[in-house]
N, C-alpha and C. Protein backbone atom coordinates (compact mmCIF):
# COMPACT_ATOMS: atom_id res chain seq x y z
N MET A 1 0.82 -1.19 0.00
CA MET A 1 0.00 0.00 0.00
C MET A 1 0.87 1.26 0.00
N LYS A 2 1.97 1.26 0.79
CA LYS A 2 2.86 2.42 0.83
C LYS A 2 3.50 2.64 -0.53
N ILE A 3 3.82 1.56 -1.21
CA ILE A 3 4.44 1.67 -2.53
C ILE A 3 3.45 2.30 -3.51
N LEU A 4 2.19 1.88 -3.43
CA LEU A 4 1.16 2.41 -4.30
C LEU A 4 0.95 3.90 -4.04
N LEU A 5 0.88 4.30 -2.77
CA LEU A 5 0.72 5.72 -2.43
C LEU A 5 1.93 6.54 -2.90
N SER A 6 3.11 5.99 -2.74
CA SER A 6 4.32 6.68 -3.20
C SER A 6 4.29 6.88 -4.71
N PHE A 7 3.84 5.84 -5.42
CA PHE A 7 3.75 5.92 -6.87
C PHE A 7 2.74 6.99 -7.29
N VAL A 8 1.57 7.01 -6.65
CA VAL A 8 0.53 7.99 -6.96
C VAL A 8 1.04 9.41 -6.68
N PHE A 9 1.68 9.60 -5.54
CA PHE A 9 2.22 10.91 -5.17
C PHE A 9 3.26 11.37 -6.18
N ALA A 10 4.16 10.47 -6.55
CA ALA A 10 5.21 10.80 -7.52
C ALA A 10 4.60 11.16 -8.87
N SER A 11 3.54 10.45 -9.27
CA SER A 11 2.88 10.73 -10.54
C SER A 11 2.25 12.12 -10.53
N PHE A 12 1.56 12.47 -9.43
CA PHE A 12 0.97 13.80 -9.31
C PHE A 12 2.05 14.89 -9.32
N ALA A 13 3.15 14.64 -8.65
CA ALA A 13 4.24 15.61 -8.60
C ALA A 13 4.84 15.82 -10.00
N LEU A 14 5.01 14.75 -10.75
CA LEU A 14 5.57 14.85 -12.10
C LEU A 14 4.62 15.59 -13.03
N VAL A 15 3.36 15.23 -13.00
CA VAL A 15 2.36 15.89 -13.85
C VAL A 15 2.25 17.36 -13.45
N GLY A 16 2.20 17.64 -12.17
CA GLY A 16 2.11 19.02 -11.69
C GLY A 16 3.29 19.86 -12.12
N SER A 17 4.49 19.29 -12.06
CA SER A 17 5.68 20.06 -12.45
C SER A 17 5.68 20.34 -13.95
N ARG A 18 5.16 19.41 -14.73
CA ARG A 18 5.07 19.65 -16.18
C ARG A 18 4.11 20.79 -16.48
N PHE A 19 2.96 20.80 -15.81
CA PHE A 19 2.01 21.89 -16.01
C PHE A 19 2.61 23.21 -15.55
N TRP A 20 3.29 23.19 -14.41
CA TRP A 20 3.91 24.41 -13.88
C TRP A 20 4.95 24.94 -14.86
N ASN A 21 5.80 24.07 -15.39
CA ASN A 21 6.82 24.49 -16.35
C ASN A 21 6.19 24.96 -17.65
N GLN A 22 5.10 24.33 -18.08
CA GLN A 22 4.39 24.76 -19.28
C GLN A 22 3.88 26.17 -19.10
N ASP A 23 3.24 26.45 -17.96
CA ASP A 23 2.74 27.80 -17.67
C ASP A 23 3.89 28.80 -17.66
N LYS A 24 4.99 28.42 -17.07
CA LYS A 24 6.14 29.31 -16.96
C LYS A 24 6.68 29.65 -18.35
N LYS A 25 6.76 28.66 -19.25
CA LYS A 25 7.24 28.89 -20.61
C LYS A 25 6.30 29.80 -21.36
N GLU A 26 4.99 29.58 -21.21
CA GLU A 26 4.02 30.41 -21.91
C GLU A 26 4.11 31.85 -21.43
N THR A 27 4.31 32.07 -20.13
CA THR A 27 4.41 33.42 -19.59
C THR A 27 5.64 34.12 -20.13
N SER A 28 6.79 33.45 -20.13
CA SER A 28 8.00 34.10 -20.60
C SER A 28 7.94 34.33 -22.10
N ALA A 29 7.31 33.42 -22.84
CA ALA A 29 7.19 33.61 -24.28
C ALA A 29 6.23 34.75 -24.60
N GLY A 30 5.25 35.00 -23.72
CA GLY A 30 4.27 36.03 -23.94
C GLY A 30 4.70 37.41 -23.45
N GLU A 31 5.88 37.51 -22.85
CA GLU A 31 6.35 38.79 -22.35
C GLU A 31 6.62 39.73 -23.51
N SER A 32 6.36 41.00 -23.29
CA SER A 32 6.63 41.97 -24.35
C SER A 32 8.12 42.28 -24.40
N PRO A 33 8.59 42.70 -25.57
CA PRO A 33 10.01 43.02 -25.70
C PRO A 33 10.39 44.18 -24.78
N SER A 34 11.65 44.26 -24.43
CA SER A 34 12.09 45.32 -23.54
C SER A 34 13.31 46.02 -24.13
N ILE A 35 13.58 47.20 -23.61
CA ILE A 35 14.74 47.97 -24.04
C ILE A 35 16.00 47.19 -23.67
N GLN A 36 16.95 47.18 -24.57
CA GLN A 36 18.22 46.49 -24.35
C GLN A 36 19.18 47.46 -23.65
N TRP A 37 19.07 47.51 -22.33
CA TRP A 37 19.88 48.43 -21.53
C TRP A 37 21.32 47.95 -21.46
N MET A 38 22.23 48.89 -21.34
CA MET A 38 23.65 48.57 -21.18
C MET A 38 24.31 49.64 -20.32
N SER A 39 25.51 49.37 -19.91
CA SER A 39 26.27 50.37 -19.15
C SER A 39 26.84 51.39 -20.13
N ILE A 40 27.30 52.50 -19.61
CA ILE A 40 27.90 53.52 -20.47
C ILE A 40 29.17 52.99 -21.13
N GLU A 41 29.90 52.15 -20.41
CA GLU A 41 31.11 51.55 -20.99
C GLU A 41 30.75 50.64 -22.17
N GLN A 42 29.71 49.85 -22.00
CA GLN A 42 29.27 48.96 -23.08
C GLN A 42 28.77 49.76 -24.28
N ALA A 43 28.05 50.84 -24.02
CA ALA A 43 27.54 51.69 -25.10
C ALA A 43 28.69 52.34 -25.86
N GLU A 44 29.70 52.80 -25.14
CA GLU A 44 30.86 53.41 -25.79
C GLU A 44 31.56 52.39 -26.69
N GLU A 45 31.71 51.18 -26.20
CA GLU A 45 32.34 50.11 -26.97
C GLU A 45 31.50 49.75 -28.21
N ALA A 46 30.20 49.64 -28.02
CA ALA A 46 29.31 49.32 -29.14
C ALA A 46 29.31 50.43 -30.18
N CYS A 47 29.35 51.66 -29.72
CA CYS A 47 29.34 52.82 -30.61
C CYS A 47 30.62 52.89 -31.45
N ALA A 48 31.72 52.42 -30.88
CA ALA A 48 32.98 52.40 -31.63
C ALA A 48 32.90 51.40 -32.79
N LYS A 49 32.15 50.32 -32.58
CA LYS A 49 32.02 49.29 -33.62
C LYS A 49 30.93 49.64 -34.63
N LYS A 50 29.80 50.13 -34.11
CA LYS A 50 28.65 50.48 -34.95
C LYS A 50 28.05 51.77 -34.40
N PRO A 51 28.44 52.91 -34.97
CA PRO A 51 27.98 54.20 -34.42
C PRO A 51 26.46 54.35 -34.40
N ARG A 52 25.98 54.81 -33.27
CA ARG A 52 24.57 55.13 -33.04
C ARG A 52 24.51 56.23 -32.00
N LYS A 53 23.39 56.88 -31.96
CA LYS A 53 23.17 57.82 -30.86
C LYS A 53 22.93 57.01 -29.58
N ILE A 54 23.16 57.66 -28.47
CA ILE A 54 22.98 57.02 -27.16
C ILE A 54 22.02 57.88 -26.36
N PHE A 55 21.11 57.23 -25.67
CA PHE A 55 20.37 57.99 -24.68
C PHE A 55 20.66 57.38 -23.32
N VAL A 56 20.86 58.27 -22.36
CA VAL A 56 21.22 57.88 -21.00
C VAL A 56 20.09 58.28 -20.07
N ASP A 57 19.55 57.30 -19.37
CA ASP A 57 18.54 57.55 -18.34
C ASP A 57 19.29 57.71 -17.02
N VAL A 58 19.41 58.95 -16.55
CA VAL A 58 20.08 59.21 -15.28
C VAL A 58 19.00 59.20 -14.20
N TYR A 59 19.13 58.27 -13.27
CA TYR A 59 18.10 58.02 -12.27
C TYR A 59 18.73 57.79 -10.90
N THR A 60 17.88 57.65 -9.90
CA THR A 60 18.30 57.19 -8.58
C THR A 60 17.30 56.14 -8.11
N GLY A 61 17.71 55.33 -7.16
CA GLY A 61 16.85 54.29 -6.63
C GLY A 61 15.66 54.81 -5.83
N TRP A 62 15.76 56.02 -5.33
CA TRP A 62 14.68 56.58 -4.50
C TRP A 62 13.71 57.46 -5.29
N CYS A 63 13.95 57.66 -6.56
CA CYS A 63 13.17 58.59 -7.39
C CYS A 63 11.87 57.94 -7.86
N GLY A 64 10.75 58.45 -7.40
CA GLY A 64 9.44 57.92 -7.79
C GLY A 64 9.14 58.08 -9.27
N TRP A 65 9.46 59.23 -9.84
CA TRP A 65 9.20 59.46 -11.26
C TRP A 65 10.08 58.57 -12.12
N CYS A 66 11.28 58.27 -11.64
CA CYS A 66 12.17 57.35 -12.37
C CYS A 66 11.52 55.96 -12.44
N LYS A 67 10.97 55.54 -11.32
CA LYS A 67 10.31 54.23 -11.27
C LYS A 67 9.08 54.20 -12.17
N LYS A 68 8.36 55.33 -12.22
CA LYS A 68 7.18 55.40 -13.08
C LYS A 68 7.60 55.29 -14.55
N MET A 69 8.70 55.93 -14.93
CA MET A 69 9.17 55.81 -16.31
C MET A 69 9.57 54.37 -16.62
N ASP A 70 10.24 53.71 -15.66
CA ASP A 70 10.60 52.30 -15.85
C ASP A 70 9.37 51.44 -16.07
N ALA A 71 8.30 51.72 -15.31
CA ALA A 71 7.10 50.89 -15.36
C ALA A 71 6.20 51.19 -16.55
N SER A 72 6.30 52.40 -17.11
CA SER A 72 5.38 52.74 -18.20
C SER A 72 6.12 53.19 -19.46
N THR A 73 6.80 54.29 -19.41
CA THR A 73 7.44 54.86 -20.60
C THR A 73 8.37 53.87 -21.28
N PHE A 74 9.24 53.25 -20.49
CA PHE A 74 10.23 52.33 -21.06
C PHE A 74 9.66 50.97 -21.39
N LYS A 75 8.35 50.79 -21.18
CA LYS A 75 7.66 49.55 -21.57
C LYS A 75 6.78 49.77 -22.80
N ASP A 76 6.61 51.01 -23.20
CA ASP A 76 5.78 51.33 -24.36
C ASP A 76 6.35 50.61 -25.59
N PRO A 77 5.54 49.81 -26.30
CA PRO A 77 6.05 49.02 -27.42
C PRO A 77 6.71 49.85 -28.53
N GLU A 78 6.16 51.02 -28.83
CA GLU A 78 6.74 51.88 -29.87
C GLU A 78 8.10 52.42 -29.42
N VAL A 79 8.19 52.79 -28.16
CA VAL A 79 9.45 53.28 -27.60
C VAL A 79 10.49 52.17 -27.64
N VAL A 80 10.14 51.01 -27.16
CA VAL A 80 11.06 49.87 -27.11
C VAL A 80 11.60 49.57 -28.50
N LYS A 81 10.71 49.50 -29.47
CA LYS A 81 11.11 49.18 -30.84
C LYS A 81 12.08 50.22 -31.39
N TYR A 82 11.75 51.49 -31.26
CA TYR A 82 12.58 52.54 -31.84
C TYR A 82 13.93 52.65 -31.12
N VAL A 83 13.91 52.56 -29.80
CA VAL A 83 15.16 52.61 -29.05
C VAL A 83 16.09 51.49 -29.48
N ASN A 84 15.59 50.27 -29.53
CA ASN A 84 16.43 49.13 -29.86
C ASN A 84 16.94 49.17 -31.30
N GLU A 85 16.22 49.83 -32.19
CA GLU A 85 16.65 49.94 -33.59
C GLU A 85 17.66 51.07 -33.80
N LYS A 86 17.50 52.18 -33.10
CA LYS A 86 18.23 53.40 -33.45
C LYS A 86 19.22 53.91 -32.39
N PHE A 87 19.12 53.45 -31.16
CA PHE A 87 19.92 53.99 -30.08
C PHE A 87 20.61 52.89 -29.30
N TYR A 88 21.62 53.28 -28.54
CA TYR A 88 22.11 52.47 -27.44
C TYR A 88 21.52 53.10 -26.20
N ALA A 89 20.90 52.29 -25.38
CA ALA A 89 20.21 52.78 -24.19
C ALA A 89 21.03 52.46 -22.95
N VAL A 90 21.25 53.48 -22.14
CA VAL A 90 22.08 53.36 -20.93
C VAL A 90 21.27 53.75 -19.72
N LYS A 91 21.37 52.95 -18.67
CA LYS A 91 20.83 53.28 -17.36
C LYS A 91 22.02 53.71 -16.51
N LEU A 92 21.96 54.91 -15.96
CA LEU A 92 23.05 55.41 -15.13
C LEU A 92 22.49 55.84 -13.78
N ASP A 93 22.80 55.05 -12.76
CA ASP A 93 22.41 55.40 -11.39
C ASP A 93 23.32 56.55 -10.96
N ALA A 94 22.74 57.71 -10.75
CA ALA A 94 23.52 58.90 -10.40
C ALA A 94 24.29 58.72 -9.10
N GLU A 95 23.84 57.81 -8.26
CA GLU A 95 24.50 57.58 -6.97
C GLU A 95 25.37 56.33 -6.98
N GLN A 96 25.73 55.86 -8.16
CA GLN A 96 26.57 54.67 -8.28
C GLN A 96 27.91 54.92 -7.61
N ARG A 97 28.28 54.01 -6.74
CA ARG A 97 29.52 54.18 -5.98
C ARG A 97 30.76 53.66 -6.70
N GLY A 98 30.58 52.79 -7.65
CA GLY A 98 31.72 52.24 -8.37
C GLY A 98 32.27 53.23 -9.39
N ASN A 99 33.50 53.02 -9.77
CA ASN A 99 34.12 53.87 -10.79
C ASN A 99 33.51 53.57 -12.15
N ILE A 100 33.43 54.61 -12.97
CA ILE A 100 32.94 54.48 -14.34
C ILE A 100 34.02 55.06 -15.25
N ILE A 101 34.36 54.31 -16.28
CA ILE A 101 35.33 54.80 -17.25
C ILE A 101 34.56 55.19 -18.50
N PHE A 102 34.68 56.47 -18.88
CA PHE A 102 33.99 56.98 -20.06
C PHE A 102 34.90 57.95 -20.79
N ARG A 103 35.08 57.70 -22.08
CA ARG A 103 35.95 58.52 -22.92
C ARG A 103 37.36 58.62 -22.35
N GLY A 104 37.83 57.52 -21.78
CA GLY A 104 39.19 57.45 -21.27
C GLY A 104 39.41 58.08 -19.91
N LYS A 105 38.36 58.55 -19.28
CA LYS A 105 38.48 59.18 -17.97
C LYS A 105 37.75 58.33 -16.92
N VAL A 106 38.32 58.27 -15.72
CA VAL A 106 37.71 57.54 -14.63
C VAL A 106 36.87 58.51 -13.80
N TYR A 107 35.59 58.19 -13.65
CA TYR A 107 34.67 58.99 -12.84
C TYR A 107 34.39 58.24 -11.55
N LYS A 108 34.56 58.92 -10.43
CA LYS A 108 34.42 58.30 -9.12
C LYS A 108 33.18 58.81 -8.40
N TYR A 109 32.84 58.13 -7.35
CA TYR A 109 31.74 58.55 -6.49
C TYR A 109 32.21 59.69 -5.61
N ASN A 110 31.44 60.76 -5.56
CA ASN A 110 31.74 61.90 -4.71
C ASN A 110 30.85 61.78 -3.47
N ALA A 111 31.44 61.34 -2.36
CA ALA A 111 30.67 61.10 -1.14
C ALA A 111 30.07 62.39 -0.58
N GLY A 112 30.74 63.50 -0.74
CA GLY A 112 30.23 64.77 -0.23
C GLY A 112 28.94 65.19 -0.91
N ARG A 113 28.86 64.94 -2.21
CA ARG A 113 27.66 65.30 -2.97
C ARG A 113 26.72 64.11 -3.16
N GLU A 114 27.19 62.92 -2.76
CA GLU A 114 26.43 61.68 -2.91
C GLU A 114 26.03 61.44 -4.37
N VAL A 115 27.02 61.58 -5.26
CA VAL A 115 26.75 61.42 -6.68
C VAL A 115 28.02 60.94 -7.38
N ASN A 116 27.82 60.18 -8.45
CA ASN A 116 28.96 59.79 -9.27
C ASN A 116 29.32 60.99 -10.14
N GLU A 117 30.61 61.22 -10.29
CA GLU A 117 31.08 62.38 -11.05
C GLU A 117 30.60 62.39 -12.50
N LEU A 118 30.40 61.20 -13.10
CA LEU A 118 29.90 61.17 -14.47
C LEU A 118 28.50 61.75 -14.55
N ALA A 119 27.64 61.37 -13.63
CA ALA A 119 26.28 61.91 -13.63
C ALA A 119 26.32 63.43 -13.47
N ALA A 120 27.15 63.91 -12.55
CA ALA A 120 27.26 65.36 -12.33
C ALA A 120 27.78 66.06 -13.60
N THR A 121 28.71 65.43 -14.28
CA THR A 121 29.26 66.00 -15.52
C THR A 121 28.20 66.04 -16.62
N LEU A 122 27.51 64.92 -16.83
CA LEU A 122 26.49 64.87 -17.88
C LEU A 122 25.35 65.85 -17.62
N LEU A 123 25.04 66.06 -16.35
CA LEU A 123 23.91 66.93 -15.99
C LEU A 123 24.36 68.36 -15.65
N ASN A 124 25.62 68.67 -15.90
CA ASN A 124 26.15 69.99 -15.58
C ASN A 124 25.86 70.42 -14.15
N GLY A 125 25.93 69.45 -13.25
CA GLY A 125 25.73 69.73 -11.83
C GLY A 125 24.28 69.92 -11.42
N GLN A 126 23.35 69.89 -12.35
CA GLN A 126 21.92 70.06 -12.05
C GLN A 126 21.33 68.68 -11.78
N MET A 127 21.38 68.26 -10.54
CA MET A 127 21.03 66.89 -10.19
C MET A 127 19.52 66.74 -9.97
N ASN A 128 18.80 66.65 -11.08
CA ASN A 128 17.36 66.43 -11.07
C ASN A 128 17.08 65.09 -11.73
N TYR A 129 16.10 64.38 -11.17
CA TYR A 129 15.83 63.03 -11.65
C TYR A 129 14.35 62.86 -11.94
N PRO A 130 14.05 62.12 -12.97
CA PRO A 130 14.95 61.57 -13.98
C PRO A 130 15.41 62.67 -14.93
N THR A 131 16.57 62.47 -15.52
CA THR A 131 17.05 63.31 -16.61
C THR A 131 17.52 62.38 -17.72
N LEU A 132 17.10 62.71 -18.93
CA LEU A 132 17.51 61.94 -20.09
C LEU A 132 18.56 62.76 -20.83
N VAL A 133 19.67 62.10 -21.12
CA VAL A 133 20.79 62.74 -21.81
C VAL A 133 20.93 62.07 -23.16
N TYR A 134 20.99 62.88 -24.21
CA TYR A 134 21.14 62.38 -25.56
C TYR A 134 22.55 62.68 -26.04
N LEU A 135 23.24 61.63 -26.50
CA LEU A 135 24.61 61.76 -27.00
C LEU A 135 24.62 61.42 -28.48
N ASP A 136 25.50 62.11 -29.22
CA ASP A 136 25.65 61.77 -30.63
C ASP A 136 26.57 60.57 -30.79
N GLU A 137 26.84 60.20 -32.02
CA GLU A 137 27.65 59.01 -32.31
C GLU A 137 29.10 59.17 -31.87
N LYS A 138 29.51 60.40 -31.60
CA LYS A 138 30.88 60.66 -31.14
C LYS A 138 30.93 60.88 -29.63
N LEU A 139 29.82 60.55 -28.96
CA LEU A 139 29.70 60.60 -27.50
C LEU A 139 29.65 62.01 -26.94
N ASN A 140 29.29 62.97 -27.78
CA ASN A 140 29.11 64.35 -27.32
C ASN A 140 27.66 64.56 -26.91
N VAL A 141 27.45 65.34 -25.86
CA VAL A 141 26.09 65.62 -25.41
C VAL A 141 25.38 66.49 -26.45
N ILE A 142 24.22 66.02 -26.89
CA ILE A 142 23.37 66.81 -27.77
C ILE A 142 22.48 67.70 -26.91
N GLN A 143 21.82 67.05 -25.93
CA GLN A 143 20.89 67.78 -25.07
C GLN A 143 20.53 66.93 -23.86
N THR A 144 20.17 67.60 -22.79
CA THR A 144 19.61 66.93 -21.61
C THR A 144 18.18 67.41 -21.44
N MET A 145 17.33 66.52 -20.93
CA MET A 145 15.94 66.87 -20.68
C MET A 145 15.54 66.31 -19.32
N GLU A 146 15.13 67.19 -18.45
CA GLU A 146 14.77 66.80 -17.09
C GLU A 146 13.29 66.43 -17.00
N GLY A 147 13.01 65.52 -16.09
CA GLY A 147 11.64 65.22 -15.72
C GLY A 147 11.02 64.03 -16.42
N TYR A 148 9.90 63.63 -15.87
CA TYR A 148 9.14 62.49 -16.37
C TYR A 148 8.53 62.83 -17.73
N VAL A 149 8.57 61.87 -18.65
CA VAL A 149 7.83 61.95 -19.91
C VAL A 149 7.13 60.62 -20.13
N ASP A 150 5.92 60.69 -20.66
CA ASP A 150 5.20 59.45 -20.93
C ASP A 150 5.68 58.84 -22.25
N GLY A 151 5.17 57.68 -22.59
CA GLY A 151 5.62 56.96 -23.77
C GLY A 151 5.42 57.74 -25.06
N LYS A 152 4.29 58.40 -25.19
CA LYS A 152 3.98 59.15 -26.41
C LYS A 152 4.96 60.32 -26.58
N GLN A 153 5.20 61.07 -25.51
CA GLN A 153 6.15 62.18 -25.55
C GLN A 153 7.57 61.69 -25.84
N PHE A 154 7.93 60.60 -25.18
CA PHE A 154 9.29 60.08 -25.33
C PHE A 154 9.51 59.57 -26.75
N ASP A 155 8.51 58.93 -27.34
CA ASP A 155 8.60 58.47 -28.71
C ASP A 155 8.87 59.65 -29.64
N LEU A 156 8.16 60.74 -29.44
CA LEU A 156 8.35 61.95 -30.24
C LEU A 156 9.78 62.48 -30.08
N ILE A 157 10.27 62.56 -28.85
CA ILE A 157 11.62 63.07 -28.58
C ILE A 157 12.67 62.16 -29.22
N LEU A 158 12.49 60.86 -29.09
CA LEU A 158 13.43 59.92 -29.71
C LEU A 158 13.51 60.13 -31.22
N HIS A 159 12.37 60.30 -31.86
CA HIS A 159 12.36 60.53 -33.30
C HIS A 159 13.00 61.88 -33.65
N TYR A 160 12.79 62.86 -32.81
CA TYR A 160 13.40 64.18 -33.03
C TYR A 160 14.93 64.05 -33.11
N PHE A 161 15.50 63.31 -32.17
CA PHE A 161 16.95 63.11 -32.19
C PHE A 161 17.35 62.06 -33.23
N GLY A 162 16.59 61.00 -33.33
CA GLY A 162 16.91 59.92 -34.26
C GLY A 162 16.89 60.36 -35.71
N GLN A 163 15.97 61.26 -36.04
CA GLN A 163 15.87 61.78 -37.41
C GLN A 163 16.72 63.04 -37.61
N GLU A 164 17.45 63.40 -36.59
CA GLU A 164 18.38 64.53 -36.61
C GLU A 164 17.72 65.86 -36.94
N ALA A 165 16.49 66.04 -36.50
CA ALA A 165 15.78 67.31 -36.70
C ALA A 165 16.49 68.44 -35.95
N TYR A 166 17.14 68.10 -34.85
CA TYR A 166 17.88 69.10 -34.07
C TYR A 166 19.01 69.72 -34.89
N LYS A 167 19.58 68.97 -35.82
CA LYS A 167 20.67 69.48 -36.66
C LYS A 167 20.16 70.50 -37.68
N LYS A 168 18.90 70.39 -38.02
CA LYS A 168 18.29 71.30 -39.00
C LYS A 168 17.72 72.54 -38.33
N LYS A 169 18.02 72.69 -37.05
CA LYS A 169 17.53 73.83 -36.26
C LYS A 169 16.01 73.84 -36.15
N THR A 170 15.40 72.67 -36.32
CA THR A 170 13.96 72.54 -36.15
C THR A 170 13.68 72.44 -34.66
N SER A 171 12.75 73.24 -34.19
CA SER A 171 12.39 73.16 -32.76
C SER A 171 11.60 71.88 -32.52
N LEU A 172 11.59 71.45 -31.29
CA LEU A 172 10.82 70.26 -30.93
C LEU A 172 9.34 70.48 -31.20
N GLU A 173 8.85 71.71 -30.95
CA GLU A 173 7.43 72.01 -31.20
C GLU A 173 7.09 71.93 -32.69
N ASP A 174 7.98 72.46 -33.55
CA ASP A 174 7.74 72.37 -34.99
C ASP A 174 7.80 70.91 -35.45
N PHE A 175 8.75 70.17 -34.91
CA PHE A 175 8.86 68.76 -35.25
C PHE A 175 7.61 68.01 -34.81
N LYS A 176 7.09 68.35 -33.65
CA LYS A 176 5.88 67.71 -33.12
C LYS A 176 4.71 67.92 -34.08
N ALA A 177 4.56 69.13 -34.61
CA ALA A 177 3.46 69.42 -35.56
C ALA A 177 3.61 68.59 -36.83
N GLN A 178 4.85 68.46 -37.32
CA GLN A 178 5.10 67.66 -38.54
C GLN A 178 4.91 66.17 -38.24
N TYR A 179 5.34 65.75 -37.07
CA TYR A 179 5.29 64.34 -36.69
C TYR A 179 3.84 63.86 -36.55
N LYS A 180 2.96 64.72 -36.04
CA LYS A 180 1.55 64.36 -35.88
C LYS A 180 0.88 64.14 -37.22
N LYS A 181 1.32 64.87 -38.26
CA LYS A 181 0.72 64.73 -39.59
C LYS A 181 1.00 63.37 -40.18
N LYS A 182 2.14 62.77 -39.78
CA LYS A 182 2.50 61.45 -40.29
C LYS A 182 1.64 60.42 -39.63
């Protein structure tokens, strides 16, 4: 009788684990695509091989608006698609304590200001979060933009930089009017 009960229990456990694994596979297969985030060092290396613009999300762990952008803006399917096709995307924790090497310079954590020197440099000392920094293919800052933006706004801004409208001296507002017509 004990052998029979052991066999029945083992059968239920095996069948149950197969169903559990099946559900797990379906969930992961059904997940939406996500932005391919990298470090600034990885983006610099990738840009040397295949030049692209870079956008840097400068955030902190305590920033509520940063978390909201992670949960919504950076999950928007149109944003994800365009970022992954046209940009290298970087997440930069402004309070990162480790050293960061960028453009041949080592940036350290400044304990007095509680900020990594790279974040302070990219943001010109204006430590507001979130801030998005756009770099050209040569790693030069094109522009910084402070504050939360939703997926629709961010998609517009990405296209503004991706289509190089800023080089034509087109304002973001003029680009927005043209972009809506498309």
